[in-house]
Amino acid sequence: MKLTEILAAAALMLGLPVFHGLQAARPERVLICHYQPNNPENMWEMELTPKAADAHVRSHGDSFGPCVVVIPQ
């Protein structure tokens, strides 16, 4: 393993940005279940940055994690 790979892995574990050339590594993503306003049955999963996920949950009534469908028996 190259020294650069070791340093990149260590930086990722510490939550530091890692650069490959001029492009930064993709930021951490959070999975939410997004509900369509006035139609909660129309939902889909989205991966957002933590800040955007918090805003969605607070303002749209979305929920953290995967969408769960309950089928009545």
C-alpha atoms as a PDB file:
ATOM      1  CA  MET A   1       0.000   0.000   0.000  1.00  0.00           C
ATOM      2  CA  LYS A   2       1.315   3.456  -0.920  1.00  0.00           C
ATOM      3  CA  LEU A   3       1.889   6.128   1.701  1.00  0.00           C
ATOM      4  CA  THR A   4      -0.686   8.371  -0.001  1.00  0.00           C
ATOM      5  CA  GLU A   5      -3.312   5.618   0.305  1.00  0.00           C
ATOM      6  CA  ILE A   6      -2.529   5.164   4.003  1.00  0.00           C
ATOM      7  CA  LEU A   7      -2.776   8.914   4.630  1.00  0.00           C
ATOM      8  CA  ALA A   8      -6.037   9.162   2.669  1.00  0.00           C
ATOM      9  CA  ALA A   9      -7.560   6.287   4.658  1.00  0.00           C
ATOM     10  CA  ALA A  10      -6.480   7.895   7.938  1.00  0.00           C
ATOM     11  CA  ALA A  11      -7.931  11.255   6.890  1.00  0.00           C
ATOM     12  CA  LEU A  12     -11.264   9.647   5.953  1.00  0.00           C
ATOM     13  CA  MET A  13     -11.450   7.899   9.336  1.00  0.00           C
ATOM     14  CA  LEU A  14     -10.932  11.273  11.017  1.00  0.00           C
ATOM     15  CA  GLY A  15     -13.612  12.907   8.862  1.00  0.00           C
ATOM     16  CA  LEU A  16     -11.158  15.143   7.005  1.00  0.00           C
ATOM     17  CA  PRO A  17     -11.624  15.993   3.311  1.00  0.00           C
ATOM     18  CA  VAL A  18      -9.436  14.003   0.948  1.00  0.00           C
ATOM     19  CA  PHE A  19      -8.354  15.488  -2.368  1.00  0.00           C
ATOM     20  CA  HIS A  20      -7.578  13.513  -5.517  1.00  0.00           C
ATOM     21  CA  GLY A  21      -5.954  16.029  -7.826  1.00  0.00           C
ATOM     22  CA  LEU A  22      -8.225  19.087  -7.738  1.00  0.00           C
ATOM     23  CA  GLN A  23     -11.402  17.198  -6.861  1.00  0.00           C
ATOM     24  CA  ALA A  24     -12.477  16.646  -3.246  1.00  0.00           C
ATOM     25  CA  ALA A  25     -13.856  13.292  -2.125  1.00  0.00           C
ATOM     26  CA  ARG A  26     -17.660  13.139  -1.990  1.00  0.00           C
ATOM     27  CA  PRO A  27     -18.964  14.427   1.364  1.00  0.00           C
ATOM     28  CA  GLU A  28     -20.744  12.139   3.784  1.00  0.00           C
ATOM     29  CA  ARG A  29     -24.339  11.382   2.780  1.00  0.00           C
ATOM     30  CA  VAL A  30     -27.410  10.690   4.896  1.00  0.00           C
ATOM     31  CA  LEU A  31     -30.343   8.573   3.726  1.00  0.00           C
ATOM     32  CA  ILE A  32     -33.821  10.050   4.221  1.00  0.00           C
ATOM     33  CA  CYS A  33     -37.313   9.103   3.144  1.00  0.00           C
ATOM     34  CA  HIS A  34     -38.860  12.103   1.331  1.00  0.00           C
ATOM     35  CA  TYR A  35     -42.638  12.386   1.431  1.00  0.00           C
ATOM     36  CA  GLN A  36     -44.547  14.233  -1.271  1.00  0.00           C
ATOM     37  CA  PRO A  37     -46.589  17.116   0.241  1.00  0.00           C
ATOM     38  CA  ASN A  38     -50.323  16.304   0.406  1.00  0.00           C
ATOM     39  CA  ASN A  39     -49.602  12.753  -0.791  1.00  0.00           C
ATOM     40  CA  PRO A  40     -47.602  10.840   1.855  1.00  0.00           C
ATOM     41  CA  GLU A  41     -48.035   7.584  -0.059  1.00  0.00           C
ATOM     42  CA  ASN A  42     -45.774   9.013  -2.778  1.00  0.00           C
ATOM     43  CA  MET A  43     -42.352   8.683  -1.145  1.00  0.00           C
ATOM     44  CA  TRP A  44     -38.818   8.026  -2.259  1.00  0.00           C
ATOM     45  CA  GLU A  45     -35.372   7.721  -0.745  1.00  0.00           C
ATOM     46  CA  MET A  46     -32.782  10.472  -1.136  1.00  0.00           C
ATOM     47  CA  GLU A  47     -29.112  10.682  -0.136  1.00  0.00           C
ATOM     48  CA  LEU A  48     -28.255  14.201   1.027  1.00  0.00           C
ATOM     49  CA  THR A  49     -25.506  15.983   2.921  1.00  0.00           C
ATOM     50  CA  PRO A  50     -26.161  16.007   6.680  1.00  0.00           C
ATOM     51  CA  LYS A  51     -27.116  19.715   6.605  1.00  0.00           C
ATOM     52  CA  ALA A  52     -29.595  19.237   3.738  1.00  0.00           C
ATOM     53  CA  ALA A  53     -31.036  16.103   5.379  1.00  0.00           C
ATOM     54  CA  ASP A  54     -31.672  18.000   8.649  1.00  0.00           C
ATOM     55  CA  ALA A  55     -33.414  20.784   6.710  1.00  0.00           C
ATOM     56  CA  HIS A  56     -35.640  18.295   4.839  1.00  0.00           C
ATOM     57  CA  VAL A  57     -36.669  16.501   8.023  1.00  0.00           C
ATOM     58  CA  ARG A  58     -37.445  19.786   9.832  1.00  0.00           C
ATOM     59  CA  SER A  59     -39.281  21.560   7.016  1.00  0.00           C
ATOM     60  CA  HIS A  60     -40.905  18.764   5.006  1.00  0.00           C
ATOM     61  CA  GLY A  61     -41.724  16.183   7.658  1.00  0.00           C
ATOM     62  CA  ASP A  62     -39.410  13.643   6.007  1.00  0.00           C
ATOM     63  CA  SER A  63     -37.778  10.905   8.080  1.00  0.00           C
ATOM     64  CA  PHE A  64     -34.222   9.630   8.458  1.00  0.00           C
ATOM     65  CA  GLY A  65     -33.446   6.197   7.045  1.00  0.00           C
ATOM     66  CA  PRO A  66     -35.079   4.117   4.331  1.00  0.00           C
ATOM     67  CA  CYS A  67     -38.742   4.383   3.381  1.00  0.00           C
ATOM     68  CA  VAL A  68     -40.805   1.694   5.072  1.00  0.00           C
ATOM     69  CA  VAL A  69     -44.072   0.477   3.618  1.00  0.00           C
ATOM     70  CA  VAL A  70     -46.450  -1.292   5.987  1.00  0.00           C
ATOM     71  CA  ILE A  71     -48.810  -3.715   4.270  1.00  0.00           C
ATOM     72  CA  PRO A  72     -51.934  -4.420   6.349  1.00  0.00           C
ATOM     73  CA  GLN A  73     -52.770  -8.085   6.757  1.00  0.00           C
END
